[in-house]
C-alpha atoms as a PDB file:
ATOM      1  CA  MET A   1       0.112   0.310   0.348  1.00  0.00           C
ATOM      2  CA  LYS A   2       2.908   2.762   1.294  1.00  0.00           C
ATOM      3  CA  THR A   3       4.492   2.011  -2.743  1.00  0.00           C
ATOM      4  CA  LYS A   4       1.057   2.346  -4.322  1.00  0.00           C
ATOM      5  CA  GLN A   5       0.874   6.142  -2.026  1.00  0.00           C
ATOM      6  CA  ARG A   6       4.397   6.597  -2.955  1.00  0.00           C
ATOM      7  CA  SER A   7       4.072   6.067  -6.697  1.00  0.00           C
ATOM      8  CA  ARG A   8       0.960   7.793  -6.574  1.00  0.00           C
ATOM      9  CA  ARG A   9       2.594  10.418  -5.437  1.00  0.00           C
ATOM     10  CA  VAL A  10       5.683  10.471  -7.863  1.00  0.00           C
ATOM     11  CA  VAL A  11       2.976  10.853 -10.725  1.00  0.00           C
ATOM     12  CA  PHE A  12       1.211  13.455  -9.215  1.00  0.00           C
ATOM     13  CA  ALA A  13       4.623  15.145  -8.624  1.00  0.00           C
ATOM     14  CA  GLY A  14       5.688  15.121 -12.196  1.00  0.00           C
ATOM     15  CA  ILE A  15       2.350  16.002 -13.354  1.00  0.00           C
ATOM     16  CA  LEU A  16       2.506  19.510 -11.165  1.00  0.00           C
ATOM     17  CA  ALA A  17       6.278  19.958 -12.305  1.00  0.00           C
ATOM     18  CA  GLY A  18       4.570  19.590 -15.866  1.00  0.00           C
ATOM     19  CA  LEU A  19       1.861  21.986 -15.644  1.00  0.00           C
ATOM     20  CA  MET A  20       3.564  24.555 -13.641  1.00  0.00           C
ATOM     21  CA  LEU A  21       6.689  24.654 -15.448  1.00  0.00           C
ATOM     22  CA  ALA A  22       4.333  25.348 -18.646  1.00  0.00           C
ATOM     23  CA  GLY A  23       3.113  28.315 -17.327  1.00  0.00           C
ATOM     24  CA  GLY A  24       5.611  30.527 -16.203  1.00  0.00           C
ATOM     25  CA  CYS A  25       9.130  30.471 -14.511  1.00  0.00           C
ATOM     26  CA  VAL A  26       8.211  28.345 -11.517  1.00  0.00           C
ATOM     27  CA  SER A  27      10.680  26.499  -8.993  1.00  0.00           C
ATOM     28  CA  VAL A  28       9.220  23.194  -7.296  1.00  0.00           C
ATOM     29  CA  ASP A  29      10.581  21.585  -4.712  1.00  0.00           C
ATOM     30  CA  LEU A  30       9.977  17.945  -5.331  1.00  0.00           C
ATOM     31  CA  GLY A  31      12.235  16.086  -2.742  1.00  0.00           C
ATOM     32  CA  LYS A  32       9.709  17.416  -0.435  1.00  0.00           C
ATOM     33  CA  LEU A  33       6.109  16.069  -2.136  1.00  0.00           C
ATOM     34  CA  MET A  34       7.960  12.535  -1.109  1.00  0.00           C
ATOM     35  CA  SER A  35       7.841  13.568   2.571  1.00  0.00           C
ATOM     36  CA  LYS A  36       4.816  15.201   3.728  1.00  0.00           C
ATOM     37  CA  GLU A  37       6.147  14.070   7.850  1.00  0.00           C
ATOM     38  CA  LEU A  38       8.088  16.006   9.660  1.00  0.00           C
ATOM     39  CA  GLN A  39      11.212  14.491  10.925  1.00  0.00           C
ATOM     40  CA  GLU A  40      13.587  15.156  13.315  1.00  0.00           C
ATOM     41  CA  ILE A  41      16.889  15.731  12.459  1.00  0.00           C
ATOM     42  CA  VAL A  42      20.029  15.939  14.896  1.00  0.00           C
ATOM     43  CA  VAL A  43      21.672  19.393  14.753  1.00  0.00           C
ATOM     44  CA  ASP A  44      24.307  18.949  17.604  1.00  0.00           C
ATOM     45  CA  GLU A  45      24.812  15.909  19.539  1.00  0.00           C
ATOM     46  CA  GLY A  46      26.304  18.129  22.546  1.00  0.00           C
ATOM     47  CA  GLY A  47      27.419  15.740  25.010  1.00  0.00           C
ATOM     48  CA  GLY A  48      25.807  12.998  23.884  1.00  0.00           C
ATOM     49  CA  GLY A  49      23.126  12.752  26.772  1.00  0.00           C
ATOM     50  CA  ARG A  50      19.328  11.413  25.726  1.00  0.00           C
ATOM     51  CA  ASP A  51      17.792  15.296  26.510  1.00  0.00           C
ATOM     52  CA  LYS A  52      17.179  17.104  23.671  1.00  0.00           C
ATOM     53  CA  VAL A  53      16.751  20.866  22.957  1.00  0.00           C
ATOM     54  CA  LEU A  54      14.354  21.822  20.051  1.00  0.00           C
ATOM     55  CA  LEU A  55      15.553  24.603  17.864  1.00  0.00           C
ATOM     56  CA  VAL A  56      12.761  25.939  15.632  1.00  0.00           C
ATOM     57  CA  ASP A  57      12.573  28.067  13.073  1.00  0.00           C
ATOM     58  CA  VAL A  58      10.132  31.011  12.374  1.00  0.00           C
ATOM     59  CA  SER A  59      11.687  32.669   9.426  1.00  0.00           C
ATOM     60  CA  GLY A  60      10.200  34.385   6.645  1.00  0.00           C
ATOM     61  CA  ILE A  61       6.715  35.633   5.876  1.00  0.00           C
ATOM     62  CA  ILE A  62       4.006  34.630   9.059  1.00  0.00           C
ATOM     63  CA  MET A  63       0.972  33.668   7.049  1.00  0.00           C
ATOM     64  CA  GLU A  64      -2.193  31.230   7.394  1.00  0.00           C
ATOM     65  CA  GLY A  65      -1.736  28.276   5.618  1.00  0.00           C
ATOM     66  CA  GLY A  66       1.569  28.483   4.595  1.00  0.00           C
ATOM     67  CA  GLY A  67       1.307  31.838   2.667  1.00  0.00           C
ATOM     68  CA  GLY A  68      -0.292  30.578  -0.531  1.00  0.00           C
ATOM     69  CA  LEU A  69       1.057  29.715  -4.180  1.00  0.00           C
ATOM     70  CA  PHE A  70       2.726  33.417  -4.345  1.00  0.00           C
ATOM     71  CA  ALA A  71       4.300  33.349  -1.362  1.00  0.00           C
ATOM     72  CA  ASP A  72       8.077  33.190  -0.529  1.00  0.00           C
ATOM     73  CA  ALA A  73       9.363  30.916   1.854  1.00  0.00           C
ATOM     74  CA  THR A  74       6.629  31.359   5.155  1.00  0.00           C
ATOM     75  CA  CYS A  75       5.966  30.304   9.302  1.00  0.00           C
ATOM     76  CA  SER A  76       2.302  29.201   9.261  1.00  0.00           C
ATOM     77  CA  PRO A  77       0.420  28.455  13.194  1.00  0.00           C
ATOM     78  CA  GLU A  78      -0.332  24.991  11.186  1.00  0.00           C
ATOM     79  CA  TYR A  79       3.098  24.262  11.055  1.00  0.00           C
ATOM     80  CA  ILE A  80       4.108  25.512  14.753  1.00  0.00           C
ATOM     81  CA  LYS A  81       1.438  23.588  16.274  1.00  0.00           C
ATOM     82  CA  SER A  82       2.793  20.677  14.740  1.00  0.00           C
ATOM     83  CA  VAL A  83       5.667  21.302  15.703  1.00  0.00           C
ATOM     84  CA  LEU A  84       5.185  21.969  19.434  1.00  0.00           C
ATOM     85  CA  SER A  85       2.818  19.217  19.730  1.00  0.00           C
ATOM     86  CA  ARG A  86       5.029  16.669  18.711  1.00  0.00           C
ATOM     87  CA  ALA A  87       8.178  18.393  20.852  1.00  0.00           C
ATOM     88  CA  GLU A  88       5.448  18.448  24.227  1.00  0.00           C
ATOM     89  CA  ALA A  89       4.756  14.204  23.228  1.00  0.00           C
ATOM     90  CA  ASP A  90       8.020  13.513  23.947  1.00  0.00           C
ATOM     91  CA  ASP A  91       9.462  13.660  27.430  1.00  0.00           C
ATOM     92  CA  ARG A  92      13.581  13.976  26.126  1.00  0.00           C
ATOM     93  CA  VAL A  93      13.188  17.684  25.278  1.00  0.00           C
ATOM     94  CA  LYS A  94      14.022  19.897  27.814  1.00  0.00           C
ATOM     95  CA  ALA A  95      14.031  23.222  26.042  1.00  0.00           C
ATOM     96  CA  VAL A  96      12.775  24.977  23.232  1.00  0.00           C
ATOM     97  CA  VAL A  97      14.635  28.005  21.138  1.00  0.00           C
ATOM     98  CA  LEU A  98      12.502  29.597  18.381  1.00  0.00           C
ATOM     99  CA  ARG A  99      15.146  30.752  15.544  1.00  0.00           C
ATOM    100  CA  ILE A 100      13.382  34.182  14.726  1.00  0.00           C
ATOM    101  CA  ASP A 101      14.210  35.628  11.461  1.00  0.00           C
ATOM    102  CA  SER A 102      11.154  37.714  10.277  1.00  0.00           C
ATOM    103  CA  PRO A 103       9.726  40.853   9.064  1.00  0.00           C
ATOM    104  CA  GLY A 104       6.607  39.740  10.480  1.00  0.00           C
ATOM    105  CA  GLY A 105       3.008  38.949   8.780  1.00  0.00           C
ATOM    106  CA  THR A 106      -0.528  39.050   8.695  1.00  0.00           C
ATOM    107  CA  VAL A 107      -1.950  39.670  12.370  1.00  0.00           C
ATOM    108  CA  GLY A 108      -3.531  36.362  12.957  1.00  0.00           C
ATOM    109  CA  ALA A 109      -0.783  34.433  12.019  1.00  0.00           C
ATOM    110  CA  SER A 110       0.776  36.144  14.491  1.00  0.00           C
ATOM    111  CA  GLU A 111      -1.450  36.020  16.662  1.00  0.00           C
ATOM    112  CA  LEU A 112      -1.919  32.419  16.748  1.00  0.00           C
ATOM    113  CA  ILE A 113       1.459  31.354  16.718  1.00  0.00           C
ATOM    114  CA  ALA A 114       2.250  33.098  19.830  1.00  0.00           C
ATOM    115  CA  ARG A 115      -0.794  32.103  21.266  1.00  0.00           C
ATOM    116  CA  GLU A 116       0.665  28.709  20.887  1.00  0.00           C
ATOM    117  CA  VAL A 117       4.258  29.294  21.847  1.00  0.00           C
ATOM    118  CA  ALA A 118       2.221  30.431  25.606  1.00  0.00           C
ATOM    119  CA  GLN A 119       0.349  28.152  25.873  1.00  0.00           C
ATOM    120  CA  PHE A 120       2.869  25.231  25.700  1.00  0.00           C
ATOM    121  CA  ARG A 121       5.233  27.399  28.108  1.00  0.00           C
ATOM    122  CA  LYS A 122       2.038  27.297  30.704  1.00  0.00           C
ATOM    123  CA  ARG A 123       1.870  23.099  29.841  1.00  0.00           C
ATOM    124  CA  THR A 124       4.755  22.002  30.070  1.00  0.00           C
ATOM    125  CA  GLY A 125       6.577  24.316  32.183  1.00  0.00           C
ATOM    126  CA  LEU A 126       9.669  24.113  29.927  1.00  0.00           C
ATOM    127  CA  PRO A 127      12.238  27.023  29.030  1.00  0.00           C
ATOM    128  CA  VAL A 128      11.483  28.632  25.720  1.00  0.00           C
ATOM    129  CA  TYR A 129      14.031  31.176  24.063  1.00  0.00           C
ATOM    130  CA  ALA A 130      13.597  33.794  21.736  1.00  0.00           C
ATOM    131  CA  GLN A 131      16.756  34.082  19.345  1.00  0.00           C
ATOM    132  CA  ILE A 132      16.566  36.870  16.673  1.00  0.00           C
ATOM    133  CA  ASN A 133      18.532  36.580  14.062  1.00  0.00           C
ATOM    134  CA  GLY A 134      18.237  39.337  11.106  1.00  0.00           C
ATOM    135  CA  LEU A 135      15.106  39.901  12.141  1.00  0.00           C
ATOM    136  CA  GLY A 136      12.654  39.888  14.382  1.00  0.00           C
ATOM    137  CA  CYS A 137      10.118  42.764  13.251  1.00  0.00           C
ATOM    138  CA  SER A 138       6.395  43.565  13.949  1.00  0.00           C
ATOM    139  CA  GLY A 139       5.202  39.802  13.790  1.00  0.00           C
ATOM    140  CA  GLY A 140       8.415  38.453  14.967  1.00  0.00           C
ATOM    141  CA  TYR A 141       8.391  40.249  17.818  1.00  0.00           C
ATOM    142  CA  TYR A 142       4.908  39.583  18.403  1.00  0.00           C
ATOM    143  CA  VAL A 143       6.068  36.170  18.492  1.00  0.00           C
ATOM    144  CA  ALA A 144       9.598  36.145  20.233  1.00  0.00           C
ATOM    145  CA  ALA A 145       7.308  38.455  23.302  1.00  0.00           C
ATOM    146  CA  ALA A 146       5.843  34.676  24.184  1.00  0.00           C
ATOM    147  CA  CYS A 147       9.055  33.716  25.418  1.00  0.00           C
ATOM    148  CA  GLU A 148      10.762  33.392  28.728  1.00  0.00           C
ATOM    149  CA  LYS A 149      13.734  35.189  27.564  1.00  0.00           C
ATOM    150  CA  ILE A 150      14.470  37.314  23.958  1.00  0.00           C
ATOM    151  CA  HIS A 151      18.152  36.534  23.040  1.00  0.00           C
ATOM    152  CA  ILE A 152      19.371  38.633  19.586  1.00  0.00           C
ATOM    153  CA  GLN A 153      22.062  38.214  17.494  1.00  0.00           C
ATOM    154  CA  PRO A 154      24.165  41.698  17.958  1.00  0.00           C
ATOM    155  CA  SER A 155      23.935  42.784  14.395  1.00  0.00           C
ATOM    156  CA  ALA A 156      20.219  41.576  14.072  1.00  0.00           C
ATOM    157  CA  ILE A 157      17.377  44.582  13.387  1.00  0.00           C
ATOM    158  CA  THR A 158      14.082  44.592  15.649  1.00  0.00           C
ATOM    159  CA  GLY A 159      10.828  46.454  16.226  1.00  0.00           C
ATOM    160  CA  SER A 160       8.531  48.208  14.111  1.00  0.00           C
ATOM    161  CA  ILE A 161       5.733  47.479  16.418  1.00  0.00           C
ATOM    162  CA  GLY A 162       2.698  48.059  15.071  1.00  0.00           C
ATOM    163  CA  VAL A 163      -0.094  47.728  12.375  1.00  0.00           C
ATOM    164  CA  ILE A 164      -0.089  48.025   9.378  1.00  0.00           C
ATOM    165  CA  ALA A 165      -2.662  47.765   6.059  1.00  0.00           C
ATOM    166  CA  VAL A 166      -2.014  47.293   2.502  1.00  0.00           C
ATOM    167  CA  PHE A 167      -4.829  48.080  -0.632  1.00  0.00           C
ATOM    168  CA  PRO A 168      -3.413  48.544  -3.464  1.00  0.00           C
ATOM    169  CA  LYS A 169      -5.054  51.037  -6.276  1.00  0.00           C
ATOM    170  CA  TYR A 170      -5.079  49.852  -9.413  1.00  0.00           C
ATOM    171  CA  ARG A 171      -8.081  51.945 -11.583  1.00  0.00           C
ATOM    172  CA  LYS A 172      -5.762  54.179 -13.634  1.00  0.00           C
ATOM    173  CA  LEU A 173      -4.106  50.531 -14.401  1.00  0.00           C
ATOM    174  CA  ALA A 174      -7.635  48.933 -15.173  1.00  0.00           C
ATOM    175  CA  ASP A 175      -8.448  51.573 -17.672  1.00  0.00           C
ATOM    176  CA  LYS A 176      -5.149  51.232 -20.212  1.00  0.00           C
ATOM    177  CA  VAL A 177      -6.218  47.455 -20.239  1.00  0.00           C
ATOM    178  CA  GLY A 178      -9.292  48.016 -20.400  1.00  0.00           C
ATOM    179  CA  PHE A 179     -10.830  46.150 -17.656  1.00  0.00           C
ATOM    180  CA  GLU A 180     -14.282  46.838 -15.784  1.00  0.00           C
ATOM    181  CA  GLU A 181     -16.006  46.155 -12.672  1.00  0.00           C
ATOM    182  CA  VAL A 182     -19.657  45.981 -11.705  1.00  0.00           C
ATOM    183  CA  VAL A 183     -19.769  46.169  -7.966  1.00  0.00           C
ATOM    184  CA  ILE A 184     -23.598  44.937  -6.246  1.00  0.00           C
ATOM    185  CA  LYS A 185     -23.578  44.943  -2.786  1.00  0.00           C
ATOM    186  CA  SER A 186     -25.507  45.700   0.187  1.00  0.00           C
ATOM    187  CA  GLY A 187     -24.330  47.910   2.327  1.00  0.00           C
ATOM    188  CA  ALA A 188     -22.071  51.204   1.247  1.00  0.00           C
ATOM    189  CA  LEU A 189     -19.020  50.047   3.110  1.00  0.00           C
ATOM    190  CA  LYS A 190     -19.924  45.765   1.821  1.00  0.00           C
ATOM    191  CA  ASP A 191     -16.626  46.836  -0.672  1.00  0.00           C
ATOM    192  CA  ILE A 192     -14.337  48.921   1.737  1.00  0.00           C
ATOM    193  CA  GLY A 193     -10.536  48.944   0.542  1.00  0.00           C
ATOM    194  CA  ASN A 194     -11.725  48.248  -3.363  1.00  0.00           C
ATOM    195  CA  GLY A 195      -8.995  49.163  -5.694  1.00  0.00           C
ATOM    196  CA  MET A 196     -11.385  50.455  -8.119  1.00  0.00           C
ATOM    197  CA  ARG A 197     -12.125  53.313  -6.737  1.00  0.00           C
ATOM    198  CA  GLU A 198     -11.270  56.177  -4.272  1.00  0.00           C
ATOM    199  CA  MET A 199     -11.606  55.167  -0.220  1.00  0.00           C
ATOM    200  CA  THR A 200     -14.399  57.596   0.605  1.00  0.00           C
ATOM    201  CA  ASP A 201     -13.153  59.723   4.445  1.00  0.00           C
ATOM    202  CA  GLU A 202     -15.553  57.269   6.268  1.00  0.00           C
ATOM    203  CA  GLU A 203     -13.817  53.899   5.061  1.00  0.00           C
ATOM    204  CA  ARG A 204     -10.719  55.508   5.568  1.00  0.00           C
ATOM    205  CA  ALA A 205     -11.958  55.809   9.165  1.00  0.00           C
ATOM    206  CA  VAL A 206     -13.713  52.050   9.548  1.00  0.00           C
ATOM    207  CA  LEU A 207      -9.877  50.919   8.756  1.00  0.00           C
ATOM    208  CA  GLN A 208      -8.821  53.250  11.130  1.00  0.00           C
ATOM    209  CA  GLY A 209     -10.794  52.044  14.077  1.00  0.00           C
ATOM    210  CA  LEU A 210      -9.217  48.615  13.097  1.00  0.00           C
ATOM    211  CA  ILE A 211      -5.424  49.288  12.717  1.00  0.00           C
ATOM    212  CA  ASP A 212      -6.066  51.131  16.511  1.00  0.00           C
ATOM    213  CA  SER A 213      -7.681  48.263  17.817  1.00  0.00           C
ATOM    214  CA  ASN A 214      -4.912  45.640  16.727  1.00  0.00           C
ATOM    215  CA  TYR A 215      -1.963  48.149  17.762  1.00  0.00           C
ATOM    216  CA  ASP A 216      -3.601  48.139  21.079  1.00  0.00           C
ATOM    217  CA  GLY A 217      -4.038  43.990  21.076  1.00  0.00           C
ATOM    218  CA  PHE A 218      -0.085  44.875  20.025  1.00  0.00           C
ATOM    219  CA  LEU A 219       1.099  46.874  22.675  1.00  0.00           C
ATOM    220  CA  ALA A 220      -1.588  44.971  25.591  1.00  0.00           C
ATOM    221  CA  TRP A 221       0.386  41.415  24.305  1.00  0.00           C
ATOM    222  CA  ILE A 222       3.855  43.081  25.289  1.00  0.00           C
ATOM    223  CA  LEU A 223       2.866  44.525  27.973  1.00  0.00           C
ATOM    224  CA  LYS A 224       1.906  41.261  29.675  1.00  0.00           C
ATOM    225  CA  ASN A 225       4.615  39.061  28.734  1.00  0.00           C
ATOM    226  CA  ARG A 226       7.678  42.100  29.523  1.00  0.00           C
ATOM    227  CA  PRO A 227       6.363  44.120  32.213  1.00  0.00           C
ATOM    228  CA  GLN A 228      10.152  45.411  32.102  1.00  0.00           C
ATOM    229  CA  VAL A 229       9.240  47.561  29.077  1.00  0.00           C
ATOM    230  CA  GLY A 230       7.076  50.195  31.834  1.00  0.00           C
ATOM    231  CA  ASP A 231       3.769  51.570  31.488  1.00  0.00           C
ATOM    232  CA  ARG A 232       1.698  51.502  28.019  1.00  0.00           C
ATOM    233  CA  GLU A 233       3.064  55.524  27.667  1.00  0.00           C
ATOM    234  CA  ALA A 234       6.798  54.355  27.489  1.00  0.00           C
ATOM    235  CA  LEU A 235       5.596  51.477  25.436  1.00  0.00           C
ATOM    236  CA  LYS A 236       4.108  53.778  22.578  1.00  0.00           C
ATOM    237  CA  LYS A 237       7.096  56.169  22.796  1.00  0.00           C
ATOM    238  CA  ALA A 238       8.952  52.617  21.416  1.00  0.00           C
ATOM    239  CA  ALA A 239       6.334  51.421  19.446  1.00  0.00           C
ATOM    240  CA  ASP A 240       5.855  53.913  16.480  1.00  0.00           C
ATOM    241  CA  GLY A 241       6.374  51.686  14.306  1.00  0.00           C
ATOM    242  CA  ARG A 242      10.561  51.846  13.754  1.00  0.00           C
ATOM    243  CA  ILE A 243      13.514  49.573  13.369  1.00  0.00           C
ATOM    244  CA  TYR A 244      15.844  49.084  16.102  1.00  0.00           C
ATOM    245  CA  THR A 245      20.195  48.019  16.493  1.00  0.00           C
ATOM    246  CA  ALA A 246      20.072  45.070  19.135  1.00  0.00           C
ATOM    247  CA  ALA A 247      21.574  47.293  21.500  1.00  0.00           C
ATOM    248  CA  GLN A 248      18.861  50.357  21.712  1.00  0.00           C
ATOM    249  CA  ALA A 249      16.381  47.337  21.996  1.00  0.00           C
ATOM    250  CA  LEU A 250      18.400  46.232  25.223  1.00  0.00           C
ATOM    251  CA  GLU A 251      18.142  49.326  26.333  1.00  0.00           C
ATOM    252  CA  LEU A 252      14.707  49.705  26.050  1.00  0.00           C
ATOM    253  CA  LYS A 253      13.989  46.621  27.315  1.00  0.00           C
ATOM    254  CA  LEU A 254      12.568  44.972  24.435  1.00  0.00           C
ATOM    255  CA  VAL A 255      14.840  41.740  24.664  1.00  0.00           C
ATOM    256  CA  ASP A 256      16.933  40.948  27.772  1.00  0.00           C
ATOM    257  CA  GLN A 257      20.046  39.595  26.032  1.00  0.00           C
ATOM    258  CA  THR A 258      22.714  40.051  22.876  1.00  0.00           C
ATOM    259  CA  CYS A 259      24.241  37.060  21.804  1.00  0.00           C
ATOM    260  CA  PHE A 260      24.736  34.688  19.197  1.00  0.00           C
ATOM    261  CA  LEU A 261      22.171  31.925  18.797  1.00  0.00           C
ATOM    262  CA  ASP A 262      24.899  28.575  19.843  1.00  0.00           C
ATOM    263  CA  GLU A 263      24.926  31.255  23.254  1.00  0.00           C
ATOM    264  CA  THR A 264      21.372  30.717  23.677  1.00  0.00           C
ATOM    265  CA  LEU A 265      21.176  26.911  23.402  1.00  0.00           C
ATOM    266  CA  LEU A 266      23.861  26.848  26.008  1.00  0.00           C
ATOM    267  CA  ALA A 267      21.606  29.322  27.707  1.00  0.00           C
ATOM    268  CA  ALA A 268      18.493  26.655  26.964  1.00  0.00           C
ATOM    269  CA  ARG A 269      20.561  23.194  27.967  1.00  0.00           C
ATOM    270  CA  THR A 270      21.319  25.599  31.258  1.00  0.00           C
ATOM    271  CA  ALA A 271      17.801  26.368  32.157  1.00  0.00           C
ATOM    272  CA  ALA A 272      16.681  23.278  31.884  1.00  0.00           C
ATOM    273  CA  ASN A 273      19.979  20.949  33.800  1.00  0.00           C
ATOM    274  CA  ALA A 274      20.749  19.383  30.649  1.00  0.00           C
ATOM    275  CA  GLU A 275      24.232  20.388  29.884  1.00  0.00           C
ATOM    276  CA  GLU A 276      24.488  17.462  27.806  1.00  0.00           C
ATOM    277  CA  ALA A 277      21.395  17.713  26.052  1.00  0.00           C
ATOM    278  CA  LYS A 278      21.733  17.314  21.987  1.00  0.00           C
ATOM    279  CA  VAL A 279      19.955  19.838  19.774  1.00  0.00           C
ATOM    280  CA  VAL A 280      17.538  18.566  17.213  1.00  0.00           C
ATOM    281  CA  THR A 281      15.091  20.715  14.751  1.00  0.00           C
ATOM    282  CA  TYR A 282      11.765  18.599  12.773  1.00  0.00           C
ATOM    283  CA  GLY A 283      11.688  19.169   8.689  1.00  0.00           C
ATOM    284  CA  TYR A 284      10.786  17.626   6.102  1.00  0.00           C
ATOM    285  CA  SER A 285      14.232  15.870   4.570  1.00  0.00           C
ATOM    286  CA  GLU A 286      17.335  15.124   5.927  1.00  0.00           C
ATOM    287  CA  SER A 287      20.614  16.791   4.983  1.00  0.00           C
ATOM    288  CA  PRO A 288      24.292  15.060   6.206  1.00  0.00           C
ATOM    289  CA  ASP A 289      25.303  18.186   6.805  1.00  0.00           C
ATOM    290  CA  ALA A 290      22.860  19.539   8.928  1.00  0.00           C
ATOM    291  CA  ASN A 291      23.555  22.332  11.590  1.00  0.00           C
ATOM    292  CA  ILE A 292      21.998  24.908  14.011  1.00  0.00           C
ATOM    293  CA  TYR A 293      22.103  27.050  11.025  1.00  0.00           C
ATOM    294  CA  SER A 294      20.490  24.935   9.013  1.00  0.00           C
ATOM    295  CA  SER A 295      16.936  26.055   7.479  1.00  0.00           C
ATOM    296  CA  ALA A 296      15.244  22.971   6.810  1.00  0.00           C
ATOM    297  CA  ALA A 297      12.777  22.956   9.972  1.00  0.00           C
ATOM    298  CA  ALA A 298      10.881  26.018   8.126  1.00  0.00           C
ATOM    299  CA  GLU A 299      10.413  24.314   4.519  1.00  0.00           C
ATOM    300  CA  SER A 300       7.044  22.830   3.501  1.00  0.00           C
ATOM    301  CA  PRO A 301       6.825  19.785   1.969  1.00  0.00           C
ATOM    302  CA  VAL A 302       5.564  21.724  -1.002  1.00  0.00           C
ATOM    303  CA  LYS A 303       7.417  24.825  -2.257  1.00  0.00           C
ATOM    304  CA  LEU A 304       6.444  26.630  -4.943  1.00  0.00           C
ATOM    305  CA  GLY A 305       8.283  29.999  -6.320  1.00  0.00           C
ATOM    306  CA  MET A 306       6.611  31.831  -8.829  1.00  0.00           C
ATOM    307  CA  ASN A 307       8.364  34.845 -10.230  1.00  0.00           C
ATOM    308  CA  LEU A 308       5.353  36.456 -11.375  1.00  0.00           C
ATOM    309  CA  PRO A 309       5.434  40.399 -11.799  1.00  0.00           C
ATOM    310  CA  GLY A 310       2.686  42.101  -8.701  1.00  0.00           C
ATOM    311  CA  LEU A 311       2.136  39.038  -7.340  1.00  0.00           C
ATOM    312  CA  SER A 312       4.623  38.433  -5.531  1.00  0.00           C
ATOM    313  CA  GLY A 313       3.481  41.183  -2.511  1.00  0.00           C
ATOM    314  CA  PRO A 314       1.289  41.272   0.213  1.00  0.00           C
ATOM    315  CA  HIS A 315      -2.764  40.577  -0.385  1.00  0.00           C
ATOM    316  CA  SER A 316      -5.273  43.674   1.099  1.00  0.00           C
ATOM    317  CA  GLY A 317      -5.450  43.467   4.301  1.00  0.00           C
ATOM    318  CA  PHE A 318      -3.893  43.827   8.256  1.00  0.00           C
ATOM    319  CA  TYR A 319       0.067  43.228   8.960  1.00  0.00           C
ATOM    320  CA  TYR A 320       2.296  42.964  11.676  1.00  0.00           C
ATOM    321  CA  LEU A 321       4.769  43.576   9.147  1.00  0.00           C
ATOM    322  CA  TRP A 322       7.693  45.976   8.888  1.00  0.00           C
ATOM    323  CA  MET A 323       7.038  47.119   5.225  1.00  0.00           C
ATOM    324  CA  PRO A 324      10.251  49.278   3.666  1.00  0.00           C
ATOM    325  CA  GLY A 325       8.212  51.731   0.821  1.00  0.00           C
ATOM    326  CA  HIS A 326       4.895  51.460   2.729  1.00  0.00           C
END
């Protein structure tokens, strides 16, 4: 039965590759179509002990459902929940380190992942540390705030605390290509954000209210999990959307320590009284050269990269996301 299922996946992979390649410039990771179950990968043998520290990737754009066909590498609530559930079922996992390299993502996905991390900590009592490498902005920082400690690489960037909504306008483009749209709606605000017309003052006020509400939720989350940042007014001064260097973030108490990933892994081992623990990650394929800097854990079974102009950016919606140029 397993052989037949594998054969079907091979055939499906070949058909899918042919269809996608015929339609444009596409890269299809066929290897991971063959393996849809998470595998444990040892990336550091440590002292040879039986205990484990789990390294979890929170990288790329944070989106529901893996981000869809037109997104780059993403981190989804589905993936994080799968990883944490597996870790919770393994009594040899003594600590967790989230390796964060993300500009953020959608409000909903960031909130769900952070909630999963917080609930995992509450249920298990295990040390959970965040290590920000590269970027830990907006939704990436929202997730980090769910951890017991936030460490950051000296050259990394964090902050961008806030909410942004993007509603592309394409009326002029539609006029040039001769595209028309008929909208029949039940109320004046039913097509709020429609890019085929100008936004009204009333619509702008409604959207601003939603942004303000999500922003208040962001601040409340940080204050709940990191009271050391001060009161709400103090936090608001830092949470104006700007980004911070590691040194600036440390001064503002947005992070606890500047250090490198190997140092954070050592700190997690120490906190768990598991100094000899190996470091493992969960991924869909294993490389013989896997190490603590490998990114296999964040890759999904099906990875489609589509280089189509105009389709690679975010869709309309609300984001905890650092978006230079917007």
